[in-house]
C-alpha atoms as a PDB file:
ATOM      1  CA  MET A   1       0.000   0.000   0.000  1.00  0.00           C
ATOM      2  CA  ILE A   2       2.770   2.431   0.921  1.00  0.00           C
ATOM      3  CA  ILE A   3       4.735   1.595  -2.234  1.00  0.00           C
ATOM      4  CA  SER A   4       1.633   2.385  -4.311  1.00  0.00           C
ATOM      5  CA  LEU A   5       1.345   5.805  -2.682  1.00  0.00           C
ATOM      6  CA  ILE A   6       5.021   6.418  -3.374  1.00  0.00           C
ATOM      7  CA  PHE A   7       4.479   5.482  -7.049  1.00  0.00           C
ATOM      8  CA  VAL A   8       1.552   7.912  -7.313  1.00  0.00           C
ATOM      9  CA  ALA A   9       3.552  10.700  -5.631  1.00  0.00           C
ATOM     10  CA  LEU A  10       6.536  10.105  -7.915  1.00  0.00           C
ATOM     11  CA  SER A  11       4.236  10.179 -10.942  1.00  0.00           C
ATOM     12  CA  GLY A  12       2.919  13.555  -9.836  1.00  0.00           C
ATOM     13  CA  VAL A  13       6.416  14.922  -9.302  1.00  0.00           C
ATOM     14  CA  MET A  14       7.488  13.613 -12.694  1.00  0.00           C
ATOM     15  CA  GLY A  15       4.458  15.242 -14.338  1.00  0.00           C
ATOM     16  CA  ALA A  16       5.315  18.630 -12.851  1.00  0.00           C
ATOM     17  CA  GLY A  17       8.976  18.189 -13.777  1.00  0.00           C
ATOM     18  CA  MET A  18       8.082  17.296 -17.344  1.00  0.00           C
ATOM     19  CA  TYR A  19       5.999  20.482 -17.578  1.00  0.00           C
ATOM     20  CA  PHE A  20       8.971  22.642 -16.646  1.00  0.00           C
ATOM     21  CA  LEU A  21      11.220  20.708 -19.034  1.00  0.00           C
ATOM     22  CA  VAL A  22       8.792  21.267 -21.906  1.00  0.00           C
ATOM     23  CA  ILE A  23       8.562  24.981 -21.080  1.00  0.00           C
ATOM     24  CA  GLY A  24      12.373  25.180 -20.975  1.00  0.00           C
ATOM     25  CA  ILE A  25      12.613  23.464 -24.363  1.00  0.00           C
ATOM     26  CA  VAL A  26      10.042  25.778 -25.923  1.00  0.00           C
ATOM     27  CA  PHE A  27      11.819  28.898 -24.679  1.00  0.00           C
ATOM     28  CA  SER A  28      15.205  27.510 -25.728  1.00  0.00           C
ATOM     29  CA  ILE A  29      14.087  26.865 -29.289  1.00  0.00           C
ATOM     30  CA  GLY A  30      12.669  30.357 -29.681  1.00  0.00           C
ATOM     31  CA  GLY A  31      15.939  31.994 -28.748  1.00  0.00           C
ATOM     32  CA  GLY A  32      14.013  35.068 -27.646  1.00  0.00           C
ATOM     33  CA  ASP A  33      14.749  37.609 -24.966  1.00  0.00           C
ATOM     34  CA  LEU A  34      13.380  35.473 -22.148  1.00  0.00           C
ATOM     35  CA  PRO A  35      16.105  34.590 -19.629  1.00  0.00           C
ATOM     36  CA  VAL A  36      14.840  31.035 -19.097  1.00  0.00           C
ATOM     37  CA  ALA A  37      17.178  29.181 -21.444  1.00  0.00           C
ATOM     38  CA  THR A  38      18.641  30.849 -24.479  1.00  0.00           C
ATOM     39  CA  ASP A  39      21.595  28.700 -25.463  1.00  0.00           C
ATOM     40  CA  TYR A  40      21.707  25.281 -27.052  1.00  0.00           C
ATOM     41  CA  ASN A  41      23.633  23.681 -24.214  1.00  0.00           C
ATOM     42  CA  GLN A  42      20.587  24.064 -21.994  1.00  0.00           C
ATOM     43  CA  LEU A  43      18.314  22.937 -24.832  1.00  0.00           C
ATOM     44  CA  SER A  44      20.196  19.666 -25.225  1.00  0.00           C
ATOM     45  CA  PHE A  45      20.247  19.210 -21.439  1.00  0.00           C
ATOM     46  CA  TYR A  46      16.459  19.700 -21.273  1.00  0.00           C
ATOM     47  CA  LEU A  47      15.929  17.311 -24.178  1.00  0.00           C
ATOM     48  CA  VAL A  48      18.052  14.604 -22.548  1.00  0.00           C
ATOM     49  CA  LEU A  49      16.215  15.001 -19.240  1.00  0.00           C
ATOM     50  CA  LEU A  50      12.820  14.850 -20.963  1.00  0.00           C
ATOM     51  CA  LEU A  51      13.867  11.746 -22.879  1.00  0.00           C
ATOM     52  CA  ALA A  52      15.073  10.133 -19.630  1.00  0.00           C
ATOM     53  CA  CYS A  53      11.714  10.914 -17.977  1.00  0.00           C
ATOM     54  CA  LEU A  54       9.826   9.375 -20.885  1.00  0.00           C
ATOM     55  CA  VAL A  55      11.981   6.226 -20.817  1.00  0.00           C
ATOM     56  CA  ILE A  56      11.448   5.887 -17.046  1.00  0.00           C
ATOM     57  CA  CYS A  57       7.686   6.278 -17.553  1.00  0.00           C
ATOM     58  CA  PHE A  58       7.743   3.604 -20.258  1.00  0.00           C
ATOM     59  CA  PHE A  59       9.589   1.073 -18.103  1.00  0.00           C
ATOM     60  CA  PHE A  60       7.419   1.897 -15.096  1.00  0.00           C
ATOM     61  CA  ALA A  61       4.258   1.309 -17.155  1.00  0.00           C
ATOM     62  CA  LYS A  62       5.706  -1.926 -18.571  1.00  0.00           C
ATOM     63  CA  HIS A  63       6.469  -3.128 -15.042  1.00  0.00           C
ATOM     64  CA  LEU A  64       2.942  -2.380 -13.821  1.00  0.00           C
ATOM     65  CA  ILE A  65       1.373  -4.086 -16.842  1.00  0.00           C
ATOM     66  CA  GLU A  66       3.488  -7.211 -16.286  1.00  0.00           C
ATOM     67  CA  ARG A  67       2.327  -7.343 -12.648  1.00  0.00           C
ATOM     68  CA  ASN A  68      -1.332  -6.868 -13.687  1.00  0.00           C
ATOM     69  CA  LEU A  69      -1.657  -3.620 -11.730  1.00  0.00           C
ATOM     70  CA  HIS A  70      -3.744  -1.831 -14.320  1.00  0.00           C
ATOM     71  CA  LEU A  71      -5.667   0.262 -11.791  1.00  0.00           C
ATOM     72  CA  LEU A  72      -2.431   1.561 -10.236  1.00  0.00           C
ATOM     73  CA  LEU A  73      -1.146   2.347 -13.732  1.00  0.00           C
ATOM     74  CA  LEU A  74      -4.313   4.335 -14.432  1.00  0.00           C
ATOM     75  CA  VAL A  75      -4.002   6.259 -11.162  1.00  0.00           C
ATOM     76  CA  CYS A  76      -0.303   7.006 -11.767  1.00  0.00           C
ATOM     77  CA  PHE A  77      -0.966   8.124 -15.330  1.00  0.00           C
ATOM     78  CA  SER A  78      -3.815  10.329 -14.126  1.00  0.00           C
ATOM     79  CA  ALA A  79      -1.555  11.878 -11.470  1.00  0.00           C
ATOM     80  CA  LEU A  80       1.133  12.515 -14.084  1.00  0.00           C
ATOM     81  CA  VAL A  81      -1.308  14.252 -16.438  1.00  0.00           C
ATOM     82  CA  LEU A  82      -3.002  16.177 -13.636  1.00  0.00           C
ATOM     83  CA  PHE A  83       0.265  17.524 -12.253  1.00  0.00           C
ATOM     84  CA  PHE A  84       1.490  18.281 -15.777  1.00  0.00           C
ATOM     85  CA  ILE A  85      -1.576  20.464 -16.283  1.00  0.00           C
ATOM     86  CA  LEU A  86      -1.552  22.026 -12.805  1.00  0.00           C
ATOM     87  CA  ALA A  87       2.217  22.623 -12.611  1.00  0.00           C
ATOM     88  CA  HIS A  88       1.854  26.196 -13.792  1.00  0.00           C
ATOM     89  CA  TRP A  89      -0.353  27.073 -10.820  1.00  0.00           C
ATOM     90  CA  LEU A  90       1.647  24.961  -8.372  1.00  0.00           C
ATOM     91  CA  GLY A  91       4.907  26.653  -9.381  1.00  0.00           C
ATOM     92  CA  ARG A  92       3.749  30.102  -8.303  1.00  0.00           C
END
């Protein structure tokens, strides 16, 4: 039970982290005057981190499917999407 709660919490944290990575990538590509990330070193760093997050999510989902924990997978995916959407308001 506790490990399931940890999985849901980590999914939420990963969703919020992925939001900030996507925002960093978008501002890095534009190369505008925003001081978020304007050079390509940070762009490649953000891309590598986002790719690592996606790979971790894939293996986590594969593990839960192999263990027939479909409901936990649905809850974790919902937490990831919810925190991805709400990260803008949570980051204030």
